Amino acid sequence: ASTPDVGRSLPRWGGTPTPTPRGHTVKKNLLLGALPIIAHALGRQRGIQVRIGGSRAFTDFQTITIPALPPDDQQAAILANGYIDHESGHIRHTDPACLKPPGWVGVLLNLFEDIRVEQALSRAYPGSRHNLAALVAALEADSPSLPAPEAPLPEQLMVGLWALLRTRVLGQTALAATAAVMEARLASRLSDAV
């Protein structure tokens, strides 16, 4: 990501990267070094630490943790920019005093909060909309979210709501097919249950 005040977009990643002794590329090292600066700018909070490792992205409002990044510079940039934008959105727009309840209620509230913070961050920084959509597209390409037709109804409801909100509210078109399938599937399943 580049300067947030003028709208952000993914950097150009053309050419042949120069390898470093650790097997990373100069471009990837520059990206990793910039992540705390980006998080500070988007989250409007000084001293945000960025950690890389594990399998999921989250924040405790002092540190943003993002999953391990692939060795490919372009894919790493898409994932890092999207994760940092999303978690910085929580730092900027989520009240850390509001605890998420356990169970399905907490999952549902987190889903709505994710949509709300991404929408708010995209209003303040229009380039974030692109970064977040690219993240969702990359994750969907890597691991499609469409559950099997025989998956439990609560799982289907959550995926359906997630895909529909991301497609219709945030304009994340990578989930349009999943949203359409889930809308039709849930309309059929719910009409049978009522």
Protein backbone atom coordinates (compact mmCIF):
# COMPACT_ATOMS: atom_id res chain seq x y z
CA ALA A 1 0.00 0.00 0.00
CA SER A 2 1.14 3.55 -0.63
CA THR A 3 0.30 6.86 1.02
CA PRO A 4 -3.17 6.57 2.55
CA ASP A 5 -4.10 10.25 2.18
CA VAL A 6 -4.20 10.12 -1.61
CA GLY A 7 -5.94 6.75 -1.95
CA ARG A 8 -4.08 3.51 -1.81
CA SER A 9 -3.48 0.83 -4.35
CA LEU A 10 -1.22 -2.16 -4.71
CA PRO A 11 2.27 -1.28 -5.85
CA ARG A 12 3.48 -2.43 -9.23
CA TRP A 13 5.44 -5.66 -8.82
CA GLY A 14 7.05 -6.00 -12.26
CA GLY A 15 10.61 -6.92 -13.10
CA THR A 16 12.97 -9.42 -11.57
CA PRO A 17 13.38 -9.06 -7.81
CA THR A 18 16.85 -9.12 -6.32
CA PRO A 19 17.32 -12.04 -3.89
CA THR A 20 18.61 -11.30 -0.41
CA PRO A 21 20.71 -13.70 1.67
CA ARG A 22 17.63 -15.06 3.48
CA GLY A 23 15.78 -15.91 0.28
CA HIS A 24 13.41 -12.95 0.50
CA THR A 25 13.37 -10.35 -2.18
CA VAL A 26 14.17 -6.71 -1.77
CA LYS A 27 10.56 -5.84 -2.67
CA LYS A 28 9.14 -8.20 -0.07
CA ASN A 29 11.53 -6.83 2.57
CA LEU A 30 10.40 -3.28 1.74
CA LEU A 31 6.76 -4.36 2.03
CA LEU A 32 7.34 -6.02 5.40
CA GLY A 33 9.17 -2.96 6.70
CA ALA A 34 6.32 -0.69 5.62
CA LEU A 35 3.54 -2.65 7.34
CA PRO A 36 3.82 -0.93 10.77
CA ILE A 37 3.81 2.47 9.05
CA ILE A 38 0.68 1.57 7.10
CA ALA A 39 -1.00 0.19 10.23
CA HIS A 40 -0.19 3.41 12.11
CA ALA A 41 -1.62 5.59 9.34
CA LEU A 42 -4.81 3.59 8.86
CA GLY A 43 -5.45 2.82 12.51
CA ARG A 44 -4.63 6.37 13.64
CA GLN A 45 -2.65 4.97 16.53
CA ARG A 46 1.07 5.19 17.20
CA GLY A 47 3.19 2.22 18.17
CA ILE A 48 1.19 -0.51 16.47
CA GLN A 49 3.35 -3.60 16.16
CA VAL A 50 2.97 -6.04 13.26
CA ARG A 51 3.74 -9.73 13.68
CA ILE A 52 3.76 -12.29 10.91
CA GLY A 53 3.07 -15.94 11.63
CA GLY A 54 0.33 -18.38 12.39
CA SER A 55 -2.74 -19.07 10.32
CA ARG A 56 -5.10 -16.14 10.93
CA ALA A 57 -5.19 -12.36 11.14
CA PHE A 58 -6.26 -10.56 14.32
CA THR A 59 -5.50 -7.58 16.53
CA ASP A 60 -5.43 -6.90 20.24
CA PHE A 61 -5.43 -3.15 19.43
CA GLN A 62 -1.69 -2.89 20.14
CA THR A 63 -0.40 -5.57 17.78
CA ILE A 64 -1.66 -6.76 14.42
CA THR A 65 -0.87 -10.39 13.67
CA ILE A 66 -1.14 -11.59 10.10
CA PRO A 67 -0.63 -15.12 8.77
CA ALA A 68 2.66 -16.23 7.29
CA LEU A 69 3.08 -14.79 3.81
CA PRO A 70 3.86 -16.77 0.65
CA PRO A 71 7.26 -16.35 -1.00
CA ASP A 72 5.69 -14.77 -4.10
CA ASP A 73 6.02 -10.96 -3.92
CA GLN A 74 2.72 -10.16 -5.61
CA GLN A 75 0.66 -12.63 -3.54
CA ALA A 76 2.42 -11.49 -0.35
CA ALA A 77 1.56 -7.86 -1.18
CA ILE A 78 -2.11 -8.68 -1.78
CA LEU A 79 -2.43 -10.62 1.46
CA ALA A 80 -0.37 -8.23 3.61
CA ASN A 81 -2.12 -5.10 2.35
CA GLY A 82 -5.57 -6.63 2.80
CA TYR A 83 -4.91 -8.03 6.27
CA ILE A 84 -3.29 -4.80 7.47
CA ASP A 85 -6.18 -2.73 6.10
CA HIS A 86 -8.78 -4.98 7.74
CA GLU A 87 -7.11 -5.14 11.16
CA SER A 88 -6.24 -1.42 11.09
CA GLY A 89 -9.92 -0.81 10.43
CA HIS A 90 -10.70 -2.59 13.70
CA ILE A 91 -8.12 -0.48 15.55
CA ARG A 92 -9.66 2.68 14.11
CA HIS A 93 -13.39 1.82 14.23
CA THR A 94 -13.99 -0.94 16.82
CA ASP A 95 -14.43 -0.19 20.52
CA PRO A 96 -12.04 -2.59 22.29
CA ALA A 97 -14.17 -2.36 25.44
CA CYS A 98 -17.02 -4.18 23.68
CA LEU A 99 -16.40 -7.86 24.25
CA LYS A 100 -17.60 -10.36 21.69
CA PRO A 101 -19.98 -12.91 23.26
CA PRO A 102 -19.23 -16.61 22.81
CA GLY A 103 -20.90 -18.92 20.33
CA TRP A 104 -22.95 -18.11 17.24
CA VAL A 105 -23.99 -14.71 18.58
CA GLY A 106 -20.33 -13.68 18.76
CA VAL A 107 -19.64 -15.05 15.27
CA LEU A 108 -22.62 -13.13 13.90
CA LEU A 109 -21.63 -9.89 15.65
CA ASN A 110 -18.05 -10.26 14.37
CA LEU A 111 -19.37 -10.72 10.83
CA PHE A 112 -21.39 -7.49 11.05
CA GLU A 113 -18.45 -5.66 12.66
CA ASP A 114 -16.11 -6.79 9.87
CA ILE A 115 -18.49 -5.42 7.24
CA ARG A 116 -18.95 -2.16 9.19
CA VAL A 117 -15.22 -1.48 9.71
CA GLU A 118 -14.30 -2.34 6.12
CA GLN A 119 -17.03 -0.02 4.83
CA ALA A 120 -15.88 2.79 7.14
CA LEU A 121 -12.20 2.34 6.28
CA SER A 122 -13.00 2.30 2.55
CA ARG A 123 -14.83 5.62 2.91
CA ALA A 124 -11.81 7.21 4.59
CA TYR A 125 -9.23 5.52 2.33
CA PRO A 126 -10.78 4.55 -1.03
CA GLY A 127 -7.73 2.44 -1.96
CA SER A 128 -8.55 0.13 0.94
CA ARG A 129 -11.64 -1.04 -0.95
CA HIS A 130 -9.33 -2.42 -3.64
CA ASN A 131 -6.93 -4.01 -1.13
CA LEU A 132 -9.77 -5.68 0.79
CA ALA A 133 -11.46 -6.95 -2.39
CA ALA A 134 -8.13 -8.32 -3.62
CA LEU A 135 -7.60 -10.08 -0.27
CA VAL A 136 -11.05 -11.71 -0.44
CA ALA A 137 -10.46 -12.74 -4.07
CA ALA A 138 -7.09 -14.31 -3.19
CA LEU A 139 -8.50 -16.17 -0.19
CA GLU A 140 -11.53 -17.36 -2.17
CA ALA A 141 -9.29 -18.60 -5.02
CA ASP A 142 -7.09 -20.46 -2.52
CA SER A 143 -9.90 -21.96 -0.46
CA PRO A 144 -13.46 -21.56 -1.80
CA SER A 145 -16.00 -20.70 0.91
CA LEU A 146 -19.04 -22.46 -0.57
CA PRO A 147 -20.10 -25.16 1.90
CA ALA A 148 -21.35 -28.55 0.77
CA PRO A 149 -25.15 -28.71 0.34
CA GLU A 150 -25.38 -31.11 3.29
CA ALA A 151 -23.44 -28.79 5.66
CA PRO A 152 -25.32 -27.87 8.85
CA LEU A 153 -27.83 -25.04 8.43
CA PRO A 154 -26.05 -22.63 10.85
CA GLU A 155 -22.85 -22.91 8.80
CA GLN A 156 -24.77 -22.32 5.59
CA LEU A 157 -26.53 -19.29 7.08
CA MET A 158 -23.24 -17.74 8.20
CA VAL A 159 -21.49 -18.31 4.87
CA GLY A 160 -24.56 -17.07 2.99
CA LEU A 161 -24.81 -13.91 5.06
CA TRP A 162 -21.04 -13.35 4.86
CA ALA A 163 -20.98 -13.73 1.05
CA LEU A 164 -24.14 -11.67 0.50
CA LEU A 165 -22.97 -8.77 2.68
CA ARG A 166 -19.48 -8.73 1.21
CA THR A 167 -20.90 -8.81 -2.32
CA ARG A 168 -23.79 -6.36 -1.92
CA VAL A 169 -22.51 -3.95 0.73
CA LEU A 170 -18.77 -3.97 0.04
CA GLY A 171 -18.87 -4.81 -3.68
CA GLN A 172 -16.45 -7.74 -3.34
CA THR A 173 -17.39 -9.47 -6.58
CA ALA A 174 -15.16 -12.51 -6.01
CA LEU A 175 -17.94 -13.79 -3.74
CA ALA A 176 -20.81 -13.09 -6.17
CA ALA A 177 -21.14 -16.72 -7.30
CA THR A 178 -21.08 -18.01 -3.71
CA ALA A 179 -23.62 -15.36 -2.70
CA ALA A 180 -25.98 -16.37 -5.53
CA VAL A 181 -25.72 -20.09 -4.75
CA MET A 182 -26.19 -19.52 -1.03
CA GLU A 183 -29.16 -17.20 -1.53
CA ALA A 184 -30.95 -19.80 -3.67
CA ARG A 185 -29.96 -22.68 -1.40
CA LEU A 186 -31.06 -20.90 1.77
CA ALA A 187 -34.33 -19.75 0.22
CA SER A 188 -35.10 -23.39 -0.55
CA ARG A 189 -33.90 -24.77 2.80
CA LEU A 190 -35.60 -22.12 4.88
CA SER A 191 -38.92 -22.36 3.02
CA ASP A 192 -38.86 -26.12 3.66
CA ALA A 193 -38.19 -25.54 7.36
CA VAL A 194 -40.98 -22.99 7.86
